[in-house]
Protein backbone atom coordinates (compact mmCIF):
# COMPACT_ATOMS: atom_id res chain seq x y z
CA MET A 1 34.72 44.30 -30.98
CA ALA A 2 33.90 47.60 -29.34
CA ALA A 3 35.34 46.26 -26.10
CA LEU A 4 38.48 45.12 -27.93
CA ARG A 5 38.95 48.57 -29.52
CA LEU A 6 38.53 50.20 -26.13
CA SER A 7 41.02 47.79 -24.58
CA TYR A 8 43.42 48.46 -27.44
CA ARG A 9 43.22 52.24 -27.05
CA SER A 10 43.63 52.19 -23.29
CA ASN A 11 46.39 49.58 -23.13
CA LEU A 12 48.47 50.42 -26.21
CA PRO A 13 50.71 53.05 -24.53
CA TYR A 14 51.20 50.67 -21.59
CA LEU A 15 52.24 47.78 -23.87
CA GLU A 16 54.60 49.95 -25.85
CA HIS A 17 56.27 51.20 -22.70
CA ARG A 18 56.23 48.19 -20.33
CA MET A 19 56.60 45.30 -22.77
CA GLY A 20 59.21 46.80 -25.09
CA CYS A 21 57.05 46.77 -28.18
CA SER A 22 58.99 48.60 -30.88
CA THR A 23 56.05 49.18 -33.17
CA ARG A 24 52.35 49.60 -32.89
CA GLU A 25 51.89 46.38 -34.84
CA ASP A 26 53.82 44.48 -32.14
CA ALA A 27 51.65 46.10 -29.48
CA VAL A 28 48.47 45.10 -31.27
CA MET A 29 49.60 41.49 -31.56
CA GLN A 30 50.56 41.42 -27.89
CA LEU A 31 47.15 42.79 -26.93
CA LEU A 32 45.33 40.23 -29.09
CA HIS A 33 47.25 37.37 -27.48
CA SER A 34 46.40 38.73 -24.04
CA GLU A 35 42.69 39.01 -24.88
CA ARG A 36 42.69 35.49 -26.33
CA ASP A 37 44.25 34.09 -23.12
CA ASN A 38 41.64 35.87 -21.01
CA ILE A 39 38.79 34.41 -23.09
CA MET A 40 40.26 30.90 -22.91
CA ASN A 41 40.62 31.16 -19.11
CA LEU A 42 37.01 32.35 -18.82
CA ARG A 43 35.78 29.41 -20.93
CA ARG A 44 37.75 26.92 -18.80
CA ASN A 45 36.32 28.38 -15.58
CA LEU A 46 32.74 28.23 -16.89
CA LEU A 47 33.20 24.64 -18.07
CA ALA A 48 34.59 23.59 -14.69
CA ALA A 49 31.68 25.23 -12.87
CA PHE A 50 29.20 23.49 -15.17
CA LEU A 51 30.79 20.07 -14.68
CA CYS A 52 31.01 20.42 -10.91
CA ALA A 53 27.40 21.52 -10.43
CA PRO A 54 25.89 17.97 -10.72
CA LEU A 55 28.51 16.66 -8.29
CA VAL A 56 27.57 19.29 -5.75
CA SER A 57 23.86 18.53 -6.10
CA LEU A 58 24.50 14.79 -5.71
CA SER A 59 26.39 15.38 -2.49
CA ILE A 60 23.31 16.95 -0.89
CA PRO A 61 20.99 14.21 0.43
CA SER A 62 17.35 14.42 -0.64
CA SER A 63 14.77 13.98 2.13
CA GLY A 64 12.59 11.98 -0.25
CA LEU A 65 15.30 9.32 -0.66
CA SER A 66 15.65 8.48 2.99
CA GLN A 67 13.40 5.82 4.50
CA VAL A 68 14.27 6.91 8.04
CA PRO A 69 12.08 9.92 8.83
CA SER A 70 13.16 12.97 10.77
CA LYS A 71 11.83 13.86 14.19
CA GLU A 72 9.98 16.87 12.82
CA PRO A 73 6.27 17.09 13.75
CA ILE A 74 3.81 15.62 11.25
CA LYS A 75 0.64 17.55 10.44
CA ASN A 76 -1.14 15.05 8.17
CA VAL A 77 -2.80 11.96 9.64
CA VAL A 78 -4.36 9.44 7.26
CA LEU A 79 -6.69 6.85 8.86
CA VAL A 80 -7.39 3.49 7.22
CA HIS A 81 -10.34 1.45 8.51
CA GLY A 82 -10.48 -2.33 8.66
CA ALA A 83 -12.65 -5.08 7.23
CA TRP A 84 -16.46 -5.07 7.69
CA ALA A 85 -16.31 -1.36 8.46
CA ASP A 86 -15.93 2.08 6.85
CA GLY A 87 -14.42 5.47 7.64
CA SER A 88 -16.98 6.11 10.37
CA SER A 89 -14.84 3.84 12.57
CA TRP A 90 -12.72 6.89 13.33
CA LEU A 91 -15.46 9.42 14.11
CA LYS A 92 -14.71 9.62 17.84
CA LEU A 93 -11.04 10.33 17.11
CA LEU A 94 -11.52 13.10 14.57
CA PRO A 95 -12.36 16.02 16.88
CA LEU A 96 -9.62 15.04 19.32
CA LEU A 97 -6.95 14.97 16.61
CA GLN A 98 -8.23 18.08 14.88
CA ALA A 99 -8.21 19.99 18.18
CA LYS A 100 -4.42 19.55 18.16
CA GLY A 101 -4.14 21.16 14.75
CA LEU A 102 -3.71 17.94 12.81
CA HIS A 103 -5.08 17.61 9.29
CA VAL A 104 -6.98 14.30 9.33
CA VAL A 105 -8.34 12.31 6.39
CA CYS A 106 -10.22 8.99 6.54
CA VAL A 107 -9.61 6.68 3.60
CA GLN A 108 -12.67 4.82 2.34
CA ILE A 109 -11.06 1.61 1.14
CA PRO A 110 -13.44 -0.43 -1.03
CA LEU A 111 -12.57 -3.84 0.49
CA THR A 112 -12.84 -5.37 -2.99
CA SER A 113 -9.21 -6.52 -3.20
CA PHE A 114 -5.94 -5.87 -1.42
CA ALA A 115 -4.58 -4.06 -4.49
CA ASP A 116 -7.67 -1.82 -4.62
CA ASP A 117 -7.37 -1.00 -0.93
CA VAL A 118 -3.67 -0.13 -1.20
CA ALA A 119 -4.34 2.01 -4.28
CA ALA A 120 -7.14 3.91 -2.52
CA THR A 121 -4.83 4.58 0.43
CA LYS A 122 -1.92 5.73 -1.72
CA ARG A 123 -4.29 8.07 -3.57
CA ILE A 124 -5.10 9.86 -0.31
CA ILE A 125 -1.43 9.90 0.74
CA ASP A 126 -0.55 11.52 -2.57
CA ALA A 127 -3.17 14.24 -1.98
CA GLN A 128 -1.51 15.40 1.26
CA ASP A 129 0.79 18.39 1.42
CA GLY A 130 3.80 17.13 3.35
CA PRO A 131 4.74 14.10 5.49
CA VAL A 132 2.02 11.67 6.57
CA LEU A 133 1.41 9.58 9.68
CA LEU A 134 -0.45 6.51 8.44
CA VAL A 135 -2.83 4.79 10.86
CA GLY A 136 -4.49 1.42 10.24
CA HIS A 137 -7.09 -0.58 12.17
CA SER A 138 -7.43 -4.37 11.91
CA TYR A 139 -7.06 -5.40 8.24
CA GLY A 140 -6.17 -1.77 7.61
CA GLY A 141 -2.85 -2.60 9.26
CA ALA A 142 -1.97 -4.89 6.36
CA VAL A 143 -2.97 -2.13 3.95
CA ILE A 144 -0.71 0.49 5.58
CA THR A 145 2.14 -2.05 5.73
CA GLU A 146 2.18 -2.02 1.91
CA ALA A 147 1.00 1.52 1.21
CA GLY A 148 3.37 2.89 3.86
CA ASN A 149 6.33 2.45 1.53
CA ASP A 150 5.27 5.71 -0.10
CA SER A 151 8.02 8.31 0.41
CA LYS A 152 5.55 10.74 2.04
CA VAL A 153 4.84 8.34 4.90
CA ALA A 154 6.97 9.19 7.93
CA GLY A 155 5.51 6.72 10.44
CA LEU A 156 2.94 3.97 10.96
CA VAL A 157 0.41 3.45 13.75
CA TYR A 158 -1.31 0.06 14.12
CA VAL A 159 -4.55 -0.10 16.12
CA ALA A 160 -5.52 -3.67 17.06
CA ALA A 161 -4.19 -4.55 13.63
CA PHE A 162 -2.46 -7.04 11.41
CA ALA A 163 1.17 -6.17 10.63
CA PRO A 164 2.43 -8.80 8.17
CA ASP A 165 6.00 -9.11 6.99
CA GLN A 166 7.08 -9.71 3.39
CA GLY A 167 5.35 -12.81 2.05
CA GLU A 168 2.80 -12.87 4.88
CA SER A 169 -0.86 -11.87 4.66
CA ALA A 170 -3.42 -10.83 7.26
CA GLY A 171 -4.90 -14.32 7.08
CA SER A 172 -1.64 -16.26 7.35
CA LEU A 173 -0.44 -14.09 10.25
CA GLY A 174 -3.34 -15.25 12.41
CA LYS A 175 -3.15 -19.00 11.68
CA PRO A 176 -0.66 -19.92 14.44
CA TYR A 177 -3.04 -18.47 17.04
CA GLY A 178 -6.15 -20.35 15.94
CA ALA A 179 -9.59 -19.03 15.06
CA THR A 180 -10.87 -16.30 17.35
CA PRO A 181 -14.56 -16.10 18.40
CA GLY A 182 -15.18 -13.32 15.91
CA VAL A 183 -13.79 -15.31 12.99
CA GLY A 184 -16.36 -17.99 13.80
CA GLU A 185 -19.10 -15.44 13.04
CA LEU A 186 -17.98 -14.74 9.48
CA ARG A 187 -20.33 -15.86 6.71
CA PRO A 188 -19.29 -16.30 3.05
CA LEU A 189 -21.32 -14.87 0.18
CA SER A 190 -21.62 -16.43 -3.26
CA ASP A 191 -19.10 -14.05 -4.85
CA GLY A 192 -16.31 -14.66 -2.35
CA PHE A 193 -17.09 -11.75 -0.04
CA LEU A 194 -17.45 -12.24 3.72
CA VAL A 195 -19.85 -10.61 6.19
CA LEU A 196 -19.92 -10.59 9.98
CA THR A 197 -23.13 -11.67 11.68
CA ASP A 198 -25.03 -9.30 13.93
CA LYS A 199 -24.02 -11.52 16.83
CA GLY A 200 -20.40 -11.17 15.80
CA VAL A 201 -20.63 -7.39 15.84
CA LEU A 202 -22.48 -7.23 19.16
CA GLU A 203 -20.45 -9.83 21.08
CA ASP A 204 -17.04 -10.05 19.38
CA PHE A 205 -16.28 -7.00 17.26
CA ALA A 206 -17.28 -4.30 19.75
CA PRO A 207 -18.79 -5.73 22.98
CA ASP A 208 -17.53 -2.80 25.11
CA VAL A 209 -19.15 -0.14 22.92
CA ALA A 210 -22.55 1.47 23.52
CA LEU A 211 -25.42 -0.49 22.01
CA ALA A 212 -26.42 2.41 19.76
CA ASP A 213 -22.89 2.46 18.28
CA ARG A 214 -22.92 -1.30 17.75
CA LYS A 215 -26.23 -1.04 15.90
CA SER A 216 -24.69 1.63 13.69
CA MET A 217 -21.80 -0.73 12.93
CA ILE A 218 -24.27 -3.42 11.88
CA ALA A 219 -26.08 -0.97 9.62
CA THR A 220 -22.89 0.37 7.99
CA GLN A 221 -20.97 -2.90 7.69
CA VAL A 222 -19.17 -3.28 4.33
CA PRO A 223 -18.71 -6.84 2.99
CA THR A 224 -15.04 -7.74 2.54
CA GLN A 225 -13.53 -9.79 -0.28
CA GLY A 226 -12.04 -12.89 1.34
CA ALA A 227 -9.13 -13.00 -1.11
CA ALA A 228 -7.96 -9.60 0.18
CA LEU A 229 -7.17 -11.18 3.54
CA GLY A 230 -4.93 -13.76 1.84
CA THR A 231 -2.85 -11.44 -0.36
CA PRO A 232 0.81 -11.41 0.75
CA ILE A 233 2.80 -8.29 1.47
CA THR A 234 5.43 -7.33 -1.11
CA THR A 235 7.47 -4.96 1.07
CA ALA A 236 6.79 -4.30 4.76
CA ALA A 237 7.06 -0.58 5.43
CA TRP A 238 7.53 -1.11 9.18
CA ARG A 239 10.98 -2.57 8.47
CA THR A 240 12.27 0.86 7.44
CA LYS A 241 9.94 3.28 9.22
CA PRO A 242 9.10 3.87 12.90
CA SER A 243 5.92 2.20 14.13
CA TRP A 244 3.50 2.45 17.01
CA PHE A 245 1.03 -0.24 18.08
CA VAL A 246 -2.16 -0.19 20.17
CA VAL A 247 -2.72 -3.69 21.57
CA ALA A 248 -6.34 -4.50 22.47
CA ALA A 249 -6.02 -6.84 25.44
CA ASN A 250 -9.61 -8.12 25.18
CA ASP A 251 -9.75 -8.46 21.39
CA ARG A 252 -12.03 -11.25 20.13
CA MET A 253 -11.30 -10.69 16.42
CA ILE A 254 -7.47 -10.79 16.45
CA ALA A 255 -5.71 -12.75 19.18
CA PRO A 256 -4.14 -10.26 21.65
CA GLU A 257 -1.04 -12.48 21.76
CA GLN A 258 -0.64 -12.02 18.02
CA GLU A 259 -0.78 -8.26 18.42
CA GLN A 260 1.83 -8.36 21.18
CA VAL A 261 4.20 -10.60 19.22
CA THR A 262 4.00 -8.58 16.02
CA ALA A 263 4.42 -5.28 17.90
CA LYS A 264 7.59 -6.64 19.49
CA ARG A 265 8.86 -7.95 16.15
CA MET A 266 8.39 -4.48 14.68
CA ASN A 267 10.14 -2.79 17.60
CA ALA A 268 6.99 -0.67 17.82
CA ARG A 269 6.27 1.69 20.68
CA THR A 270 3.32 -0.06 22.30
CA LEU A 271 0.22 0.97 24.22
CA THR A 272 -1.90 -1.83 25.70
CA LEU A 273 -5.54 -1.04 26.47
CA SER A 274 -8.17 -3.27 28.07
CA THR A 275 -10.59 -2.97 25.18
CA SER A 276 -12.29 -4.97 22.47
CA HIS A 277 -11.24 -4.90 18.82
CA VAL A 278 -12.18 -1.21 18.49
CA PRO A 279 -10.14 0.80 21.04
CA MET A 280 -10.53 3.94 18.93
CA ILE A 281 -14.26 3.80 19.75
CA SER A 282 -14.24 2.52 23.33
CA LYS A 283 -11.17 4.56 24.46
CA PRO A 284 -10.79 7.38 21.94
CA LYS A 285 -8.92 9.73 24.30
CA GLU A 286 -6.14 7.23 24.97
CA VAL A 287 -5.80 6.27 21.32
CA SER A 288 -5.84 9.88 20.11
CA ASP A 289 -3.17 10.86 22.65
CA PHE A 290 -1.03 7.98 21.39
CA ILE A 291 -1.43 9.12 17.77
CA ILE A 292 -0.72 12.74 18.72
CA GLY A 293 2.49 11.61 20.42
CA ALA A 294 3.53 9.74 17.28
CA ALA A 295 2.82 12.79 15.12
CA SER A 296 4.83 15.06 17.41
CA GLY A 297 8.09 13.36 16.43
CA GLU A 298 9.23 13.24 20.05
CA SER A 299 8.82 9.49 20.65
CA ASN A 300 10.01 7.87 17.43
CA PRO A 301 11.16 4.29 17.97
CA ASN A 302 13.84 2.83 15.71
CA PRO A 303 12.61 0.62 12.88
CA PRO A 304 14.10 -2.89 12.75
CA GLY A 305 17.49 -2.85 11.06
CA THR A 306 18.21 0.87 11.69
CA ARG A 307 19.49 0.74 15.25
């Protein structure tokens, strides 16, 4: 009201003179109409701005909605071990990756069920601040194939690993290639878990690794629930995200041909090393360099279906 009185006092002589108002009452009415029009215009402008704001926000793409990651460098590397093993599988890689400024975390999957292993992996992904490069060894490849659908995951690295598609499992993926020597050394326990014999570790799992390291693997082996190997994938993350694959040419646990075929199917950037099933232990420098290259964002392959 104070503003209206001020407007009235300052504009009354103008209205009387310019608008031909014969009386002060006419001038007051003219001023009130003018003020009312100004208020109505202001309300219309505010309403239009309010209604347009959601449309503007919807037109800006959210990075979390896109499955195709950018080529920006990734600082977080999450490592997922395989069956009959634990996080110590990655010990030789850790200092090499950390020396490049990468934040590295090893998931300790329980190997009690596929769902438990995926949940444990997603828990660690969720704890990271920013995009994640997810790395899986052996059965861990099946785990990252499912867990990698998390929006934080920008890329996948498979190290002598299973990479099933939707409806496939780690176990079914290997059937066309027959039983490998290492599979012949698996022994079932009464509760459905499987263990690898000492002979299997020494001669098939890691024959090119120092004896002291192989003895450590025997001592730290974690029994694996057999049903976990037969659980099918719901959604294969490698179909929408770039992937890298380390093929172990002398693998006696997973057929090298299987690794080559699945890497090609995934359109993965591939590194082939003349190693056993554990290239991250027998050739840690080569594997770490490959992971560092993937994290740099400079060598991203195109996922299938996004060419």
